[in-house]
């Protein structure tokens, strides 16, 4: 899968809360020796939806399960989890999850997300892993509306040993983006990762700044931004999807970075995001350390979730 790949065991260790919730809720329905019938299928559907799997995916899973039951391919509750695992693994296309890169020159990654979503830490994780794989990285502190944002990114840049371009708080974010693009080209870096101001749909001035940053990057480095990642907080469950929809109005999001997945029992949101947003989850954050990042792999994720 690439330089971000983690093993199933690593994912199991960090998805404990989600796995415990799903295992507990399914165990209450799929009792030993229970025969499959319509009552069981109805209970299973309610359980999967409550685990943030998502309505559309749940309906599809239960429909496929019902067909298998009627065709006498499965008969008891013990066969349901293996069935669910096999079907879930086939829901994501391989190509959607790869980190996009420039054909030549620096690859520009624009990162959005509301304040508190884990955006700064997620940027640090991306920068850390890329730099540890012999890639030259610059991070740009384009969130100039909060002093804490610039300070936090500066601390991370020093800690992980990557360069940073920043201005004073209150500066024009587009000016930071311009200087960062200049620096990326003159220093011949491999990746430029650009932070942006956290915003909500009611904050039009921040939405406008986000669009300006994107446009500056596109003018300075043709074809950029090559990747537009939206950081979502997994602990917020379905609210994360509401957040995502507001960002889609301002920027063309190409992938999701789902942060704080280790600290929640709502990891089923990964599956719901696919159904409701049609945006691939590319990375998941699984801890506080800079190396606690994994490239999203459906097969490994599903195995870890149900193991």
Protein backbone atom coordinates (compact mmCIF):
# COMPACT_ATOMS: atom_id res chain seq x y z
CA UNK A 1 0.00 0.00 0.00
CA UNK A 2 2.88 2.43 0.48
CA UNK A 3 4.87 4.28 3.10
CA UNK A 4 1.90 4.85 5.42
CA UNK A 5 0.83 1.22 5.72
CA UNK A 6 0.23 -0.33 9.15
CA UNK A 7 -0.53 -3.95 9.97
CA UNK A 8 -3.85 -5.41 11.02
CA UNK A 9 -2.42 -5.94 14.49
CA UNK A 10 -1.52 -2.25 14.74
CA UNK A 11 -5.04 -1.28 13.73
CA UNK A 12 -6.57 -3.75 16.18
CA UNK A 13 -4.58 -2.18 19.01
CA UNK A 14 -5.81 1.31 18.12
CA UNK A 15 -9.42 0.52 17.23
CA UNK A 16 -10.23 -1.10 20.56
CA UNK A 17 -13.12 1.18 21.48
CA UNK A 18 -14.83 0.86 18.12
CA UNK A 19 -14.32 -2.90 18.00
CA UNK A 20 -15.64 -3.31 21.55
CA UNK A 21 -18.79 -1.38 20.73
CA UNK A 22 -19.50 -3.27 17.52
CA UNK A 23 -18.67 -6.65 19.06
CA UNK A 24 -20.90 -5.96 22.03
CA UNK A 25 -23.87 -4.80 19.98
CA UNK A 26 -23.60 -7.65 17.47
CA UNK A 27 -23.19 -10.25 20.21
CA UNK A 28 -26.51 -9.16 21.68
CA UNK A 29 -28.21 -9.95 18.37
CA UNK A 30 -26.17 -12.86 17.04
CA UNK A 31 -26.55 -15.23 19.96
CA UNK A 32 -25.09 -18.73 19.60
CA UNK A 33 -27.23 -21.06 17.52
CA UNK A 34 -29.87 -18.45 16.69
CA UNK A 35 -31.51 -19.11 13.36
CA UNK A 36 -31.67 -16.37 10.75
CA UNK A 37 -35.16 -14.96 10.30
CA UNK A 38 -36.77 -11.61 9.56
CA UNK A 39 -36.74 -10.60 13.23
CA UNK A 40 -32.98 -11.16 13.44
CA UNK A 41 -32.37 -9.25 10.23
CA UNK A 42 -34.42 -6.29 11.48
CA UNK A 43 -32.47 -6.24 14.74
CA UNK A 44 -29.18 -6.48 12.86
CA UNK A 45 -30.13 -3.53 10.66
CA UNK A 46 -30.91 -1.36 13.68
CA UNK A 47 -27.66 -2.40 15.34
CA UNK A 48 -25.44 -1.59 12.37
CA UNK A 49 -27.05 1.83 11.91
CA UNK A 50 -26.56 2.61 15.61
CA UNK A 51 -22.86 1.72 15.18
CA UNK A 52 -22.50 4.53 12.60
CA UNK A 53 -22.10 2.09 9.72
CA UNK A 54 -24.47 4.28 7.71
CA UNK A 55 -28.02 3.77 6.50
CA UNK A 56 -27.22 3.07 2.84
CA UNK A 57 -24.45 0.58 3.54
CA UNK A 58 -26.51 -1.12 6.22
CA UNK A 59 -29.50 -1.49 3.92
CA UNK A 60 -27.28 -2.96 1.21
CA UNK A 61 -25.59 -5.36 3.63
CA UNK A 62 -28.87 -6.58 5.10
CA UNK A 63 -30.43 -6.91 1.65
CA UNK A 64 -27.51 -9.07 0.46
CA UNK A 65 -27.70 -11.05 3.68
CA UNK A 66 -31.42 -11.61 3.22
CA UNK A 67 -30.86 -12.89 -0.32
CA UNK A 68 -28.14 -15.27 0.88
CA UNK A 69 -30.45 -16.53 3.62
CA UNK A 70 -33.35 -17.10 1.21
CA UNK A 71 -31.00 -18.89 -1.20
CA UNK A 72 -29.99 -21.12 1.75
CA UNK A 73 -26.33 -20.06 1.46
CA UNK A 74 -26.29 -19.23 5.17
CA UNK A 75 -28.57 -20.43 7.94
CA UNK A 76 -27.27 -19.50 11.40
CA UNK A 77 -26.09 -16.37 13.19
CA UNK A 78 -22.50 -17.67 13.37
CA UNK A 79 -22.22 -17.22 9.60
CA UNK A 80 -23.25 -13.56 9.60
CA UNK A 81 -20.02 -11.83 10.71
CA UNK A 82 -17.86 -13.65 8.11
CA UNK A 83 -20.50 -12.68 5.53
CA UNK A 84 -20.42 -9.01 6.61
CA UNK A 85 -16.62 -8.90 6.54
CA UNK A 86 -16.39 -10.31 3.02
CA UNK A 87 -19.00 -7.91 1.68
CA UNK A 88 -17.62 -4.80 3.40
CA UNK A 89 -14.15 -5.42 2.00
CA UNK A 90 -15.48 -5.08 -1.54
CA UNK A 91 -17.00 -1.63 -1.10
CA UNK A 92 -13.91 0.52 -1.78
CA UNK A 93 -11.99 0.81 -5.06
CA UNK A 94 -8.21 0.58 -4.77
CA UNK A 95 -7.23 3.63 -6.83
CA UNK A 96 -9.22 6.19 -4.83
CA UNK A 97 -7.00 5.99 -1.74
CA UNK A 98 -3.61 6.80 -3.20
CA UNK A 99 -1.99 10.10 -2.30
CA UNK A 100 -1.96 12.16 -5.48
CA UNK A 101 1.42 13.55 -6.55
CA UNK A 102 2.67 16.05 -9.11
CA UNK A 103 4.20 14.78 -12.34
CA UNK A 104 7.06 17.23 -11.76
CA UNK A 105 7.93 19.85 -9.16
CA UNK A 106 6.46 20.04 -5.67
CA UNK A 107 3.26 18.22 -4.78
CA UNK A 108 0.89 20.64 -3.03
CA UNK A 109 -1.46 19.27 -0.37
CA UNK A 110 -4.13 21.67 0.86
CA UNK A 111 -5.60 20.70 4.23
CA UNK A 112 -8.94 21.91 5.58
CA UNK A 113 -11.00 21.19 8.67
CA UNK A 114 -12.80 22.99 11.47
CA UNK A 115 -10.97 24.12 14.60
CA UNK A 116 -10.50 21.22 16.99
CA UNK A 117 -10.78 18.52 14.34
CA UNK A 118 -7.15 17.49 14.75
CA UNK A 119 -6.01 19.30 11.62
CA UNK A 120 -2.61 20.52 12.86
CA UNK A 121 -1.65 17.13 14.28
CA UNK A 122 -2.77 15.42 11.07
CA UNK A 123 -0.58 17.75 9.00
CA UNK A 124 2.34 16.95 11.28
CA UNK A 125 1.75 13.22 10.81
CA UNK A 126 1.74 13.52 7.04
CA UNK A 127 4.87 15.67 7.08
CA UNK A 128 6.64 13.35 9.51
CA UNK A 129 6.09 10.16 7.53
CA UNK A 130 6.95 11.79 4.22
CA UNK A 131 10.15 13.31 5.61
CA UNK A 132 11.16 10.00 7.18
CA UNK A 133 10.89 8.47 3.73
CA UNK A 134 13.49 10.84 2.29
CA UNK A 135 11.01 13.40 1.00
CA UNK A 136 11.76 17.10 1.41
CA UNK A 137 8.74 18.78 3.02
CA UNK A 138 7.61 22.34 3.77
CA UNK A 139 4.53 23.14 5.83
CA UNK A 140 2.76 26.48 5.40
CA UNK A 141 0.92 28.17 8.28
CA UNK A 142 -1.92 29.72 6.28
CA UNK A 143 -4.25 29.78 9.28
CA UNK A 144 -3.30 33.31 10.33
CA UNK A 145 -6.57 34.00 12.13
CA UNK A 146 -5.48 32.17 15.27
CA UNK A 147 -2.12 32.75 16.92
CA UNK A 148 -2.34 29.28 18.41
CA UNK A 149 -2.57 27.71 14.96
CA UNK A 150 0.71 29.24 13.79
CA UNK A 151 2.39 28.45 17.10
CA UNK A 152 1.21 24.82 17.13
CA UNK A 153 2.36 24.19 13.57
CA UNK A 154 5.70 25.84 14.33
CA UNK A 155 6.20 23.56 17.34
CA UNK A 156 5.38 20.50 15.28
CA UNK A 157 7.67 21.59 12.42
CA UNK A 158 10.59 21.95 14.81
CA UNK A 159 9.78 18.67 16.54
CA UNK A 160 9.65 16.58 13.37
CA UNK A 161 12.40 18.48 11.56
CA UNK A 162 10.63 20.01 8.57
CA UNK A 163 10.70 23.57 7.21
CA UNK A 164 7.85 26.02 7.79
CA UNK A 165 6.71 29.19 6.05
CA UNK A 166 4.72 31.54 8.27
CA UNK A 167 3.74 35.19 8.74
CA UNK A 168 2.46 37.14 11.74
CA UNK A 169 -1.03 36.51 13.08
CA UNK A 170 -3.58 38.51 11.10
CA UNK A 171 -1.56 38.42 7.89
CA UNK A 172 -3.19 37.65 4.58
CA UNK A 173 -3.39 33.82 4.34
CA UNK A 174 -3.07 34.04 0.56
CA UNK A 175 0.24 35.89 1.01
CA UNK A 176 1.54 33.03 3.13
CA UNK A 177 0.43 30.61 0.45
CA UNK A 178 2.24 32.67 -2.20
CA UNK A 179 5.50 32.72 -0.23
CA UNK A 180 5.20 29.02 0.55
CA UNK A 181 4.81 28.17 -3.13
CA UNK A 182 7.84 30.34 -3.94
CA UNK A 183 9.86 28.56 -1.26
CA UNK A 184 8.73 25.14 -2.40
CA UNK A 185 9.90 25.80 -5.94
CA UNK A 186 13.17 27.55 -5.10
CA UNK A 187 14.16 24.92 -2.51
CA UNK A 188 13.06 22.08 -4.78
CA UNK A 189 10.98 20.34 -2.14
CA UNK A 190 8.90 17.24 -2.80
CA UNK A 191 5.83 18.23 -0.78
CA UNK A 192 4.23 21.49 0.33
CA UNK A 193 1.49 20.94 2.93
CA UNK A 194 -0.69 23.99 3.51
CA UNK A 195 -2.73 24.55 6.68
CA UNK A 196 -5.90 26.65 6.40
CA UNK A 197 -8.25 28.38 8.81
CA UNK A 198 -10.89 26.21 10.43
CA UNK A 199 -14.31 27.38 9.39
CA UNK A 200 -18.02 26.70 9.57
CA UNK A 201 -20.64 27.37 6.93
CA UNK A 202 -21.61 30.60 8.73
CA UNK A 203 -18.07 32.01 8.42
CA UNK A 204 -18.07 33.28 4.86
CA UNK A 205 -14.82 35.24 5.25
CA UNK A 206 -12.95 32.06 6.12
CA UNK A 207 -14.58 30.19 3.26
CA UNK A 208 -13.48 32.95 0.90
CA UNK A 209 -9.91 32.79 2.24
CA UNK A 210 -9.83 29.05 1.68
CA UNK A 211 -10.79 29.57 -1.95
CA UNK A 212 -8.15 32.31 -2.33
CA UNK A 213 -5.41 30.04 -0.98
CA UNK A 214 -6.40 27.35 -3.45
CA UNK A 215 -6.36 29.84 -6.33
CA UNK A 216 -2.95 31.25 -5.36
CA UNK A 217 -1.47 27.76 -5.30
CA UNK A 218 -3.00 26.97 -8.69
CA UNK A 219 -1.45 30.09 -10.25
CA UNK A 220 2.01 29.60 -8.74
CA UNK A 221 2.30 25.85 -9.25
CA UNK A 222 0.28 24.65 -12.25
CA UNK A 223 -1.95 21.70 -11.50
CA UNK A 224 -1.99 22.36 -7.77
CA UNK A 225 -3.33 21.71 -5.26
CA UNK A 226 -2.77 18.12 -6.25
CA UNK A 227 -4.49 16.81 -3.15
CA UNK A 228 -7.15 18.51 -1.01
CA UNK A 229 -7.56 16.68 2.27
CA UNK A 230 -10.37 17.36 4.70
CA UNK A 231 -9.63 16.44 8.33
CA UNK A 232 -12.67 15.13 10.18
CA UNK A 233 -12.92 14.29 13.88
CA UNK A 234 -14.06 10.67 14.18
CA UNK A 235 -15.37 11.25 17.69
CA UNK A 236 -18.18 13.42 16.32
CA UNK A 237 -19.77 10.54 14.41
CA UNK A 238 -22.46 11.63 11.94
CA UNK A 239 -21.72 15.30 12.67
CA UNK A 240 -18.45 14.82 10.79
CA UNK A 241 -20.46 14.31 7.62
CA UNK A 242 -22.35 17.55 8.19
CA UNK A 243 -19.01 19.35 8.56
CA UNK A 244 -17.72 17.83 5.35
CA UNK A 245 -20.65 19.05 3.29
CA UNK A 246 -19.90 22.68 4.18
CA UNK A 247 -16.33 22.35 2.91
CA UNK A 248 -17.40 20.88 -0.38
CA UNK A 249 -18.94 24.25 -1.22
CA UNK A 250 -15.55 25.98 -1.09
CA UNK A 251 -12.95 23.47 -2.24
CA UNK A 252 -12.84 20.32 -4.29
CA UNK A 253 -12.04 17.81 -1.58
CA UNK A 254 -10.16 14.81 -2.94
CA UNK A 255 -9.78 12.79 0.24
CA UNK A 256 -10.63 12.49 3.93
CA UNK A 257 -8.16 12.30 6.80
CA UNK A 258 -10.18 10.80 9.66
CA UNK A 259 -8.50 11.90 12.88
CA UNK A 260 -8.86 10.67 16.48
CA UNK A 261 -10.09 7.27 15.39
CA UNK A 262 -8.36 5.62 18.34
CA UNK A 263 -10.27 7.68 20.89
CA UNK A 264 -13.80 6.88 19.77
CA UNK A 265 -16.28 4.03 19.69
CA UNK A 266 -17.71 5.41 16.45
CA UNK A 267 -15.27 4.06 13.87
CA UNK A 268 -18.15 2.83 11.74
CA UNK A 269 -18.28 6.40 10.43
CA UNK A 270 -15.55 5.40 7.96
CA UNK A 271 -18.12 3.34 6.10
CA UNK A 272 -20.85 5.97 6.32
CA UNK A 273 -18.54 8.63 4.83
CA UNK A 274 -18.15 6.55 1.70
CA UNK A 275 -21.90 6.24 1.23
CA UNK A 276 -22.95 9.79 2.06
CA UNK A 277 -20.10 11.86 0.64
CA UNK A 278 -18.55 9.72 -2.09
CA UNK A 279 -15.13 11.00 -0.96
CA UNK A 280 -12.46 8.40 -0.25
CA UNK A 281 -11.01 8.11 3.23
CA UNK A 282 -7.27 8.17 2.51
CA UNK A 283 -5.72 8.38 5.97
CA UNK A 284 -6.70 7.60 9.53
CA UNK A 285 -5.19 9.06 12.69
CA UNK A 286 -4.63 6.51 15.43
CA UNK A 287 -2.89 8.29 18.30
CA UNK A 288 -0.97 11.38 19.37
CA UNK A 289 2.49 10.44 18.11
CA UNK A 290 3.58 11.74 14.69
CA UNK A 291 3.96 8.18 13.42
CA UNK A 292 0.38 7.26 14.40
CA UNK A 293 -1.03 7.48 10.90
CA UNK A 294 -2.21 4.75 8.57
CA UNK A 295 -3.15 4.75 4.93
CA UNK A 296 -6.73 3.52 4.87
CA UNK A 297 -6.91 -0.06 3.65
CA UNK A 298 -10.45 -1.49 3.65
CA UNK A 299 -9.43 -5.11 4.09
CA UNK A 300 -7.13 -4.39 7.01
CA UNK A 301 -9.66 -2.00 8.56
CA UNK A 302 -12.53 -4.51 8.36
CA UNK A 303 -10.36 -7.32 9.72
CA UNK A 304 -9.29 -5.12 12.65
CA UNK A 305 -12.86 -4.00 13.26
CA UNK A 306 -14.31 -7.50 13.54
CA UNK A 307 -11.33 -9.46 14.94
